[in-house]
């Protein structure tokens, strides 16, 4: 089971905001000596529960905004700070995707279009739902980093959340349309993400990245190879990359080594690719009203008909039938 780091400075920040941390931990069902531990980590479910309780202790005004956009908050998360040292918003987001697992239990899928970039947020564990407080915190944090690093008041084109954002202070600070949808997603104009970062620090980035890569490798080593391949495919498919070679390159190993490791786990690359595509297709269909052409593109297919044939094999029905079935189930 993966565990995720919580940095002590985060709790110090909560204390300065008047949050009774000891009571918070007790209410979240966490050990009282948690803060005294040298390596402070939590499994995903406990991490989310801790944040949900945190949200209950913060007053319903602009407290969450102040928490997410506190001065130098990015320094509390070394993996994020490394991304902060990049040259622009797009590279920040790419590095954030690469290293986020060292900081938060979050799966992030970036879809780059010519004029806009979508960043969709999911829990690492597919059986868990992102807590609304965590989603709002992440949205505020991402926008805050972009504004601080560029010196420009960047606002998203729009925001979609599964749970409606009820806190007016959050909506006002994001300064964009926030709608309730089937996914948690923030969309930026591509031109805004190309604004140079004033925080660019190539020397510091060169110093930090080897250690971050080492820690990430250690964390991923505890996962099965099938899990690692699936995680990589989630990031590569929207970019049109879906081959064994693409994944092997991302995992820094040869094609032959990757095939051998998957065989040792009694699975194959093709099986994982198919399962990942079907899982993503199901998520897209549940959360957005996309055409078959769009679905095929997001799943790394060059030909829509190939996607339609594959989907029929996965689901035992056409895309249209599958959508109708899901819609009827929700109405029951």
Protein backbone atom coordinates (compact mmCIF):
# COMPACT_ATOMS: atom_id res chain seq x y z
CA UNK A 1 0.00 0.00 0.00
CA UNK A 2 1.44 3.38 -1.02
CA UNK A 3 1.95 6.02 1.63
CA UNK A 4 2.18 9.75 1.05
CA UNK A 5 4.35 12.30 2.81
CA UNK A 6 2.93 15.08 4.95
CA UNK A 7 5.41 17.79 5.77
CA UNK A 8 5.43 19.11 9.40
CA UNK A 9 5.41 22.71 8.11
CA UNK A 10 1.85 22.14 6.88
CA UNK A 11 0.67 21.56 10.45
CA UNK A 12 2.61 24.60 11.63
CA UNK A 13 0.74 26.63 9.03
CA UNK A 14 -2.57 25.23 10.29
CA UNK A 15 -1.64 26.17 13.87
CA UNK A 16 -0.90 29.76 12.78
CA UNK A 17 -4.37 29.86 11.26
CA UNK A 18 -5.93 28.83 14.55
CA UNK A 19 -6.62 25.18 13.76
CA UNK A 20 -6.33 22.92 16.86
CA UNK A 21 -4.08 20.32 15.27
CA UNK A 22 -4.22 17.86 18.19
CA UNK A 23 -8.04 17.84 18.03
CA UNK A 24 -7.89 17.53 14.25
CA UNK A 25 -5.74 14.40 14.46
CA UNK A 26 -7.95 12.88 17.13
CA UNK A 27 -11.12 13.51 15.16
CA UNK A 28 -9.52 12.06 12.03
CA UNK A 29 -8.67 8.90 13.97
CA UNK A 30 -4.92 9.43 13.61
CA UNK A 31 -2.26 8.63 16.26
CA UNK A 32 -1.50 11.42 18.71
CA UNK A 33 2.25 10.94 18.19
CA UNK A 34 1.95 11.37 14.42
CA UNK A 35 3.77 14.71 14.38
CA UNK A 36 6.65 13.27 16.40
CA UNK A 37 7.46 10.68 13.77
CA UNK A 38 10.57 11.17 11.68
CA UNK A 39 9.02 10.14 8.37
CA UNK A 40 5.46 11.44 8.42
CA UNK A 41 3.43 9.45 5.88
CA UNK A 42 -0.18 8.28 5.58
CA UNK A 43 -2.04 5.86 3.32
CA UNK A 44 -4.40 7.57 0.88
CA UNK A 45 -7.66 6.99 2.77
CA UNK A 46 -6.25 8.41 6.01
CA UNK A 47 -4.67 11.31 4.12
CA UNK A 48 -8.05 12.26 2.66
CA UNK A 49 -9.82 11.85 6.00
CA UNK A 50 -7.29 14.15 7.64
CA UNK A 51 -7.91 16.82 4.99
CA UNK A 52 -11.69 16.50 5.25
CA UNK A 53 -11.49 17.14 8.99
CA UNK A 54 -9.09 20.01 8.32
CA UNK A 55 -11.76 21.58 6.13
CA UNK A 56 -14.30 21.29 8.95
CA UNK A 57 -12.03 23.18 11.35
CA UNK A 58 -11.33 26.07 8.97
CA UNK A 59 -13.95 28.84 9.08
CA UNK A 60 -16.17 29.17 6.00
CA UNK A 61 -14.72 32.40 4.70
CA UNK A 62 -11.43 32.98 2.95
CA UNK A 63 -9.43 30.70 5.27
CA UNK A 64 -9.00 27.99 2.63
CA UNK A 65 -7.79 30.65 0.18
CA UNK A 66 -5.23 31.92 2.70
CA UNK A 67 -4.13 28.34 3.41
CA UNK A 68 -3.69 27.35 -0.24
CA UNK A 69 -1.98 30.58 -1.26
CA UNK A 70 0.15 31.27 1.81
CA UNK A 71 3.45 32.97 1.08
CA UNK A 72 6.10 30.45 0.05
CA UNK A 73 3.70 27.51 0.53
CA UNK A 74 5.31 25.81 -2.46
CA UNK A 75 8.48 25.38 -0.37
CA UNK A 76 6.53 23.06 1.99
CA UNK A 77 6.43 20.48 -0.79
CA UNK A 78 9.91 19.84 -2.28
CA UNK A 79 8.53 18.07 -5.38
CA UNK A 80 6.31 21.07 -6.10
CA UNK A 81 9.11 23.51 -5.37
CA UNK A 82 11.25 21.76 -7.99
CA UNK A 83 8.50 22.29 -10.55
CA UNK A 84 8.22 25.91 -9.37
CA UNK A 85 11.82 26.44 -10.47
CA UNK A 86 10.92 25.68 -14.11
CA UNK A 87 10.64 28.21 -16.88
CA UNK A 88 6.85 28.50 -17.38
CA UNK A 89 3.45 27.20 -16.33
CA UNK A 90 3.29 24.36 -18.81
CA UNK A 91 6.62 22.95 -17.69
CA UNK A 92 5.55 23.44 -14.07
CA UNK A 93 2.45 21.32 -14.68
CA UNK A 94 4.43 18.63 -16.50
CA UNK A 95 6.89 18.37 -13.60
CA UNK A 96 4.03 18.48 -11.12
CA UNK A 97 2.51 15.46 -12.87
CA UNK A 98 5.85 13.65 -12.78
CA UNK A 99 6.61 14.27 -9.09
CA UNK A 100 3.17 14.81 -7.50
CA UNK A 101 3.13 11.30 -6.08
CA UNK A 102 5.90 12.31 -3.71
CA UNK A 103 3.68 15.04 -2.33
CA UNK A 104 -0.02 14.16 -2.64
CA UNK A 105 -2.18 11.10 -3.45
CA UNK A 106 -3.36 12.62 -6.68
CA UNK A 107 -3.53 11.31 -10.23
CA UNK A 108 -3.38 14.16 -12.71
CA UNK A 109 -4.14 13.90 -16.41
CA UNK A 110 -3.05 16.79 -18.64
CA UNK A 111 -4.59 17.18 -22.09
CA UNK A 112 -2.86 19.78 -24.23
CA UNK A 113 -4.81 21.45 -27.04
CA UNK A 114 -3.69 24.23 -29.34
CA UNK A 115 -5.42 27.01 -27.38
CA UNK A 116 -6.07 25.49 -23.98
CA UNK A 117 -4.76 22.92 -21.50
CA UNK A 118 -6.99 20.72 -19.31
CA UNK A 119 -5.80 19.39 -15.96
CA UNK A 120 -8.12 16.73 -14.54
CA UNK A 121 -7.74 15.50 -10.97
CA UNK A 122 -8.41 11.96 -9.72
CA UNK A 123 -7.59 9.98 -6.59
CA UNK A 124 -4.68 7.57 -7.01
CA UNK A 125 -6.97 4.85 -5.68
CA UNK A 126 -9.84 4.50 -8.14
CA UNK A 127 -12.12 3.32 -5.32
CA UNK A 128 -11.82 6.66 -3.53
CA UNK A 129 -13.42 10.00 -4.36
CA UNK A 130 -11.41 13.18 -3.99
CA UNK A 131 -12.75 15.12 -0.97
CA UNK A 132 -14.29 18.48 -2.02
CA UNK A 133 -11.98 20.33 0.37
CA UNK A 134 -8.95 18.68 -1.22
CA UNK A 135 -10.18 19.58 -4.73
CA UNK A 136 -10.69 23.23 -3.80
CA UNK A 137 -7.30 23.33 -2.09
CA UNK A 138 -5.61 21.88 -5.20
CA UNK A 139 -7.35 24.33 -7.56
CA UNK A 140 -6.44 27.32 -5.43
CA UNK A 141 -2.87 26.09 -5.05
CA UNK A 142 -2.30 25.60 -8.79
CA UNK A 143 -3.65 29.02 -9.66
CA UNK A 144 -1.72 30.61 -6.79
CA UNK A 145 1.56 29.11 -7.98
CA UNK A 146 1.01 30.36 -11.52
CA UNK A 147 0.20 33.87 -10.29
CA UNK A 148 3.14 34.02 -7.88
CA UNK A 149 5.64 32.62 -10.37
CA UNK A 150 4.65 34.92 -13.25
CA UNK A 151 3.58 38.06 -11.40
CA UNK A 152 0.46 38.02 -13.57
CA UNK A 153 -3.08 37.52 -12.23
CA UNK A 154 -3.76 34.41 -14.30
CA UNK A 155 -7.28 33.02 -14.07
CA UNK A 156 -8.49 29.69 -15.47
CA UNK A 157 -10.79 29.66 -18.49
CA UNK A 158 -13.22 27.66 -16.36
CA UNK A 159 -13.37 25.11 -13.55
CA UNK A 160 -15.46 21.95 -13.27
CA UNK A 161 -16.01 20.09 -10.00
CA UNK A 162 -18.01 17.01 -9.07
CA UNK A 163 -19.22 18.71 -5.89
CA UNK A 164 -20.35 22.34 -6.24
CA UNK A 165 -18.04 24.97 -4.78
CA UNK A 166 -20.20 26.61 -2.11
CA UNK A 167 -17.55 28.90 -0.67
CA UNK A 168 -17.93 32.26 -2.45
CA UNK A 169 -14.41 33.27 -1.44
CA UNK A 170 -13.00 30.37 -3.48
CA UNK A 171 -15.02 31.28 -6.57
CA UNK A 172 -14.13 34.96 -6.30
CA UNK A 173 -10.42 34.22 -5.90
CA UNK A 174 -10.34 31.85 -8.88
CA UNK A 175 -12.05 34.62 -10.86
CA UNK A 176 -13.67 32.29 -13.39
CA UNK A 177 -16.79 30.29 -14.09
CA UNK A 178 -17.09 27.31 -11.73
CA UNK A 179 -19.61 24.71 -12.82
CA UNK A 180 -20.75 21.39 -11.39
CA UNK A 181 -19.87 18.54 -13.73
CA UNK A 182 -18.87 14.89 -13.78
CA UNK A 183 -15.18 15.56 -13.25
CA UNK A 184 -12.77 17.72 -11.27
CA UNK A 185 -10.95 19.75 -13.90
CA UNK A 186 -9.30 23.13 -14.37
CA UNK A 187 -8.70 24.59 -17.82
CA UNK A 188 -6.11 27.27 -18.66
CA UNK A 189 -5.40 29.22 -21.81
CA UNK A 190 -2.25 27.85 -23.41
CA UNK A 191 -0.91 31.39 -23.83
CA UNK A 192 -1.10 31.95 -20.05
CA UNK A 193 0.93 28.81 -19.41
CA UNK A 194 3.68 30.08 -21.71
CA UNK A 195 4.28 33.24 -19.66
CA UNK A 196 7.87 33.02 -18.31
CA UNK A 197 8.34 32.23 -14.61
CA UNK A 198 10.28 34.82 -12.64
CA UNK A 199 11.12 31.99 -10.23
CA UNK A 200 13.11 30.00 -12.79
CA UNK A 201 16.20 28.54 -11.15
CA UNK A 202 18.01 26.05 -13.36
CA UNK A 203 20.85 25.47 -10.88
CA UNK A 204 18.48 24.56 -8.02
CA UNK A 205 16.38 22.40 -10.31
CA UNK A 206 19.47 20.51 -11.46
CA UNK A 207 20.40 19.96 -7.82
CA UNK A 208 16.95 18.75 -6.69
CA UNK A 209 15.82 16.54 -9.58
CA UNK A 210 18.22 13.59 -9.07
CA UNK A 211 17.03 13.17 -5.47
CA UNK A 212 13.37 13.45 -6.47
CA UNK A 213 13.85 10.85 -9.19
CA UNK A 214 15.57 8.54 -6.71
CA UNK A 215 12.74 8.86 -4.19
CA UNK A 216 10.16 8.35 -6.90
CA UNK A 217 11.93 5.20 -8.06
CA UNK A 218 11.93 3.85 -4.51
CA UNK A 219 8.22 4.56 -4.18
CA UNK A 220 7.40 2.98 -7.52
CA UNK A 221 9.53 -0.07 -6.73
CA UNK A 222 6.93 -1.11 -4.14
CA UNK A 223 4.26 -1.21 -6.85
CA UNK A 224 3.75 -4.13 -9.20
CA UNK A 225 5.08 -3.63 -12.71
CA UNK A 226 1.53 -3.89 -14.04
CA UNK A 227 0.47 -1.00 -11.77
CA UNK A 228 3.41 1.11 -12.90
CA UNK A 229 2.68 0.44 -16.58
CA UNK A 230 -0.97 1.35 -16.07
CA UNK A 231 -0.03 4.62 -14.35
CA UNK A 232 2.36 5.55 -17.15
CA UNK A 233 -0.24 4.78 -19.81
CA UNK A 234 -2.74 7.11 -18.12
CA UNK A 235 -0.25 9.94 -18.67
CA UNK A 236 0.92 8.90 -22.16
CA UNK A 237 -2.35 8.00 -23.92
CA UNK A 238 -3.70 11.58 -24.19
CA UNK A 239 -0.38 12.45 -25.84
CA UNK A 240 -0.89 9.80 -28.52
CA UNK A 241 1.73 7.44 -27.10
CA UNK A 242 0.64 3.86 -26.51
CA UNK A 243 3.43 1.47 -27.50
CA UNK A 244 5.54 -0.83 -25.38
CA UNK A 245 8.55 1.24 -26.40
CA UNK A 246 6.92 4.46 -25.18
CA UNK A 247 6.26 2.96 -21.76
CA UNK A 248 9.66 1.27 -21.51
CA UNK A 249 11.37 4.60 -22.26
CA UNK A 250 9.29 6.34 -19.58
CA UNK A 251 10.25 3.62 -17.06
CA UNK A 252 13.92 3.79 -18.10
CA UNK A 253 14.20 0.13 -19.09
CA UNK A 254 14.48 -1.90 -22.29
CA UNK A 255 11.45 -3.34 -24.06
CA UNK A 256 12.72 -6.85 -23.37
CA UNK A 257 13.12 -6.19 -19.63
CA UNK A 258 9.64 -4.72 -19.40
CA UNK A 259 8.12 -7.69 -21.23
CA UNK A 260 9.96 -10.11 -18.95
CA UNK A 261 8.79 -8.37 -15.78
CA UNK A 262 5.18 -8.38 -16.97
CA UNK A 263 5.43 -12.07 -17.86
CA UNK A 264 6.68 -12.78 -14.33
CA UNK A 265 3.45 -11.16 -13.07
CA UNK A 266 1.37 -13.34 -15.42
CA UNK A 267 0.18 -10.44 -17.54
CA UNK A 268 1.08 -8.71 -20.79
CA UNK A 269 1.46 -5.19 -22.05
CA UNK A 270 -1.50 -5.60 -24.40
CA UNK A 271 -3.76 -6.75 -21.56
CA UNK A 272 -2.79 -3.73 -19.44
CA UNK A 273 -3.20 -1.37 -22.40
CA UNK A 274 -6.69 -2.67 -23.12
CA UNK A 275 -7.74 -2.55 -19.45
CA UNK A 276 -6.38 0.99 -19.05
CA UNK A 277 -8.11 2.21 -22.19
CA UNK A 278 -11.44 0.73 -21.13
CA UNK A 279 -11.11 2.22 -17.63
CA UNK A 280 -10.32 5.65 -19.06
CA UNK A 281 -13.10 5.37 -21.63
CA UNK A 282 -15.54 4.53 -18.85
CA UNK A 283 -14.34 7.54 -16.82
CA UNK A 284 -14.64 9.90 -19.79
CA UNK A 285 -18.14 8.64 -20.62
CA UNK A 286 -19.28 8.98 -17.00
CA UNK A 287 -17.79 12.43 -16.52
CA UNK A 288 -18.06 14.17 -19.89
CA UNK A 289 -20.21 14.11 -22.99
CA UNK A 290 -17.51 13.41 -25.58
CA UNK A 291 -17.85 12.22 -29.13
CA UNK A 292 -16.36 8.91 -30.28
CA UNK A 293 -13.70 10.83 -32.21
CA UNK A 294 -12.67 12.68 -29.03
CA UNK A 295 -12.62 9.46 -27.02
CA UNK A 296 -10.48 7.75 -29.63
CA UNK A 297 -8.00 10.65 -29.60
CA UNK A 298 -7.75 10.71 -25.78
CA UNK A 299 -7.13 6.95 -25.71
CA UNK A 300 -4.30 7.13 -28.22
CA UNK A 301 -6.11 5.74 -31.28
CA UNK A 302 -5.30 7.17 -34.71
CA UNK A 303 -8.45 5.61 -36.17
CA UNK A 304 -11.89 6.05 -34.56
CA UNK A 305 -13.18 2.80 -36.07
CA UNK A 306 -10.40 0.89 -34.32
CA UNK A 307 -11.54 2.40 -31.02
CA UNK A 308 -15.18 1.53 -31.72
CA UNK A 309 -14.30 -2.09 -32.47
CA UNK A 310 -12.16 -2.35 -29.34
CA UNK A 311 -14.87 -0.80 -27.18
CA UNK A 312 -17.45 -3.30 -28.40
CA UNK A 313 -15.10 -6.10 -27.38
CA UNK A 314 -14.52 -4.57 -23.93
CA UNK A 315 -18.11 -3.72 -23.07
CA UNK A 316 -20.05 -6.18 -25.21
CA UNK A 317 -21.98 -3.27 -26.70
CA UNK A 318 -21.46 -0.12 -28.76
CA UNK A 319 -20.40 3.23 -27.29
CA UNK A 320 -23.91 4.61 -27.88
CA UNK A 321 -25.54 1.67 -26.11
CA UNK A 322 -23.10 1.98 -23.23
CA UNK A 323 -23.86 5.70 -22.83
CA UNK A 324 -27.62 5.03 -22.83
CA UNK A 325 -27.23 2.28 -20.24
CA UNK A 326 -25.23 4.56 -17.94
CA UNK A 327 -27.78 7.36 -18.38
CA UNK A 328 -30.71 5.04 -17.56
CA UNK A 329 -28.90 3.70 -14.48
CA UNK A 330 -28.46 7.23 -13.10
CA UNK A 331 -32.17 7.96 -13.53
CA UNK A 332 -33.17 4.95 -11.44
